[in-house]
Amino acid sequence: SDATVNNFVGIDFFDATGITGRIYVKNLDQTNHYGAMGFITRGVTGYDTRLYIDGDGNSTFYKNLSITSSQYLYLAGNATTDGSWRMSATASGSMKIEKRVSGSWVTASELTF
């Protein structure tokens, strides 16, 4: 309900004592429903955006990935339960968001670089 331009909404991920990461949306223009998305992690230097997707879909990685095969970066739910979600990255440079449907992983979105 906050109509402020450039405000943020997000989902935080916690360990036992604090926030370890966040997925956020930056509301760029609420009249036209434009937004950007970012992924923040916490390392030894503190919190920082590691992936940012602007309102036009242009993506920026802020750290080089060293991936030699598909690696699952995040799982929400259970790997064998329908309705679960996962995010993965591949050696070819794509990132996928998938949902488990009828016993199989279905790609909901894929970013290729």
Protein backbone atom coordinates (compact mmCIF):
# COMPACT_ATOMS: atom_id res chain seq x y z
CA SER A 1 0.00 0.00 0.00
CA ASP A 2 3.08 2.29 0.09
CA ALA A 3 3.15 4.25 -3.20
CA THR A 4 6.72 5.55 -2.72
CA VAL A 5 8.84 5.23 -5.87
CA ASN A 6 12.01 3.13 -5.48
CA ASN A 7 10.90 1.46 -2.24
CA PHE A 8 11.84 -2.16 -1.60
CA VAL A 9 9.98 -5.34 -0.64
CA GLY A 10 11.72 -8.63 -0.04
CA ILE A 11 12.02 -12.10 1.38
CA ASP A 12 14.73 -12.66 4.00
CA PHE A 13 16.50 -15.96 4.66
CA PHE A 14 17.77 -16.68 8.17
CA ASP A 15 20.12 -18.99 10.00
CA ALA A 16 19.76 -19.49 13.76
CA THR A 17 20.78 -15.92 14.66
CA GLY A 18 20.39 -13.57 11.70
CA ILE A 19 19.74 -12.80 8.05
CA THR A 20 22.01 -14.64 5.60
CA GLY A 21 20.40 -13.53 2.34
CA ARG A 22 17.51 -11.70 0.70
CA ILE A 23 15.58 -11.63 -2.56
CA TYR A 24 14.13 -8.18 -3.12
CA VAL A 25 12.06 -6.19 -5.59
CA LYS A 26 12.65 -2.48 -6.10
CA ASN A 27 9.39 -0.75 -7.11
CA LEU A 28 10.62 1.59 -9.86
CA ASP A 29 7.25 2.97 -11.01
CA GLN A 30 4.13 1.92 -9.16
CA THR A 31 1.75 3.62 -11.61
CA ASN A 32 2.99 1.42 -14.49
CA HIS A 33 4.04 -1.53 -12.26
CA TYR A 34 7.74 -1.45 -13.25
CA GLY A 35 10.21 -3.17 -10.98
CA ALA A 36 13.71 -4.56 -10.65
CA MET A 37 14.89 -7.63 -8.69
CA GLY A 38 18.02 -8.38 -6.73
CA PHE A 39 19.63 -11.21 -4.79
CA ILE A 40 21.69 -10.32 -1.71
CA THR A 41 24.03 -12.62 0.20
CA ARG A 42 26.20 -12.03 3.24
CA GLY A 43 29.90 -12.79 3.12
CA VAL A 44 32.90 -11.80 5.22
CA THR A 45 32.65 -8.23 3.87
CA GLY A 46 28.96 -7.92 4.76
CA TYR A 47 25.75 -7.82 2.72
CA ASP A 48 25.91 -7.13 -1.00
CA THR A 49 23.80 -7.57 -4.13
CA ARG A 50 25.24 -10.50 -6.11
CA LEU A 51 22.67 -10.53 -8.95
CA TYR A 52 20.54 -7.59 -10.11
CA ILE A 53 17.88 -7.71 -12.84
CA ASP A 54 16.67 -4.30 -13.97
CA GLY A 55 13.16 -3.42 -15.14
CA ASP A 56 14.01 -4.30 -18.75
CA GLY A 57 15.40 -7.74 -17.86
CA ASN A 58 19.09 -6.85 -18.12
CA SER A 59 21.05 -8.89 -15.58
CA THR A 60 24.28 -8.13 -13.78
CA PHE A 61 26.34 -10.59 -11.73
CA TYR A 62 28.55 -8.88 -9.18
CA LYS A 63 30.88 -11.83 -8.64
CA ASN A 64 32.18 -14.44 -11.06
CA LEU A 65 30.61 -17.86 -10.73
CA SER A 66 32.76 -20.95 -11.09
CA ILE A 67 30.24 -23.61 -12.06
CA THR A 68 31.26 -26.79 -13.85
CA SER A 69 27.87 -28.56 -13.84
CA SER A 70 24.32 -27.77 -12.71
CA GLN A 71 24.38 -26.56 -9.13
CA TYR A 72 21.29 -25.94 -7.02
CA LEU A 73 21.60 -22.65 -5.23
CA TYR A 74 18.33 -22.68 -3.31
CA LEU A 75 15.53 -25.14 -2.50
CA ALA A 76 12.19 -24.11 -0.97
CA GLY A 77 10.35 -27.18 0.24
CA ASN A 78 11.43 -30.76 -0.32
CA ALA A 79 13.20 -32.05 -3.44
CA THR A 80 10.65 -34.87 -3.78
CA THR A 81 7.45 -32.95 -2.91
CA ASP A 82 5.19 -31.34 -5.54
CA GLY A 83 4.81 -27.59 -5.05
CA SER A 84 8.48 -27.14 -4.02
CA TRP A 85 10.70 -24.58 -5.78
CA ARG A 86 14.41 -24.56 -6.63
CA MET A 87 16.85 -22.18 -8.24
CA SER A 88 19.85 -23.52 -10.15
CA ALA A 89 22.79 -22.30 -12.20
CA THR A 90 24.50 -24.17 -15.05
CA ALA A 91 28.02 -24.20 -16.50
CA SER A 92 26.63 -22.55 -19.67
CA GLY A 93 25.70 -19.47 -17.64
CA SER A 94 21.94 -19.82 -17.34
CA MET A 95 19.91 -19.64 -14.16
CA LYS A 96 16.62 -21.49 -13.76
CA ILE A 97 13.72 -21.20 -11.35
CA GLU A 98 11.78 -24.47 -11.32
CA LYS A 99 8.68 -25.83 -9.62
CA ARG A 100 8.05 -29.49 -8.83
CA VAL A 101 4.82 -30.57 -10.58
CA SER A 102 3.50 -34.16 -10.80
CA GLY A 103 6.88 -35.61 -9.78
CA SER A 104 8.99 -33.58 -12.23
CA TRP A 105 10.81 -30.24 -12.15
CA VAL A 106 9.20 -27.72 -14.54
CA THR A 107 11.05 -24.54 -15.58
CA ALA A 108 9.08 -21.47 -14.54
CA SER A 109 11.74 -19.00 -15.70
CA GLU A 110 15.20 -19.16 -17.20
CA LEU A 111 17.81 -16.43 -17.50
CA THR A 112 20.48 -16.98 -20.15
CA PHE A 113 23.60 -14.89 -20.58
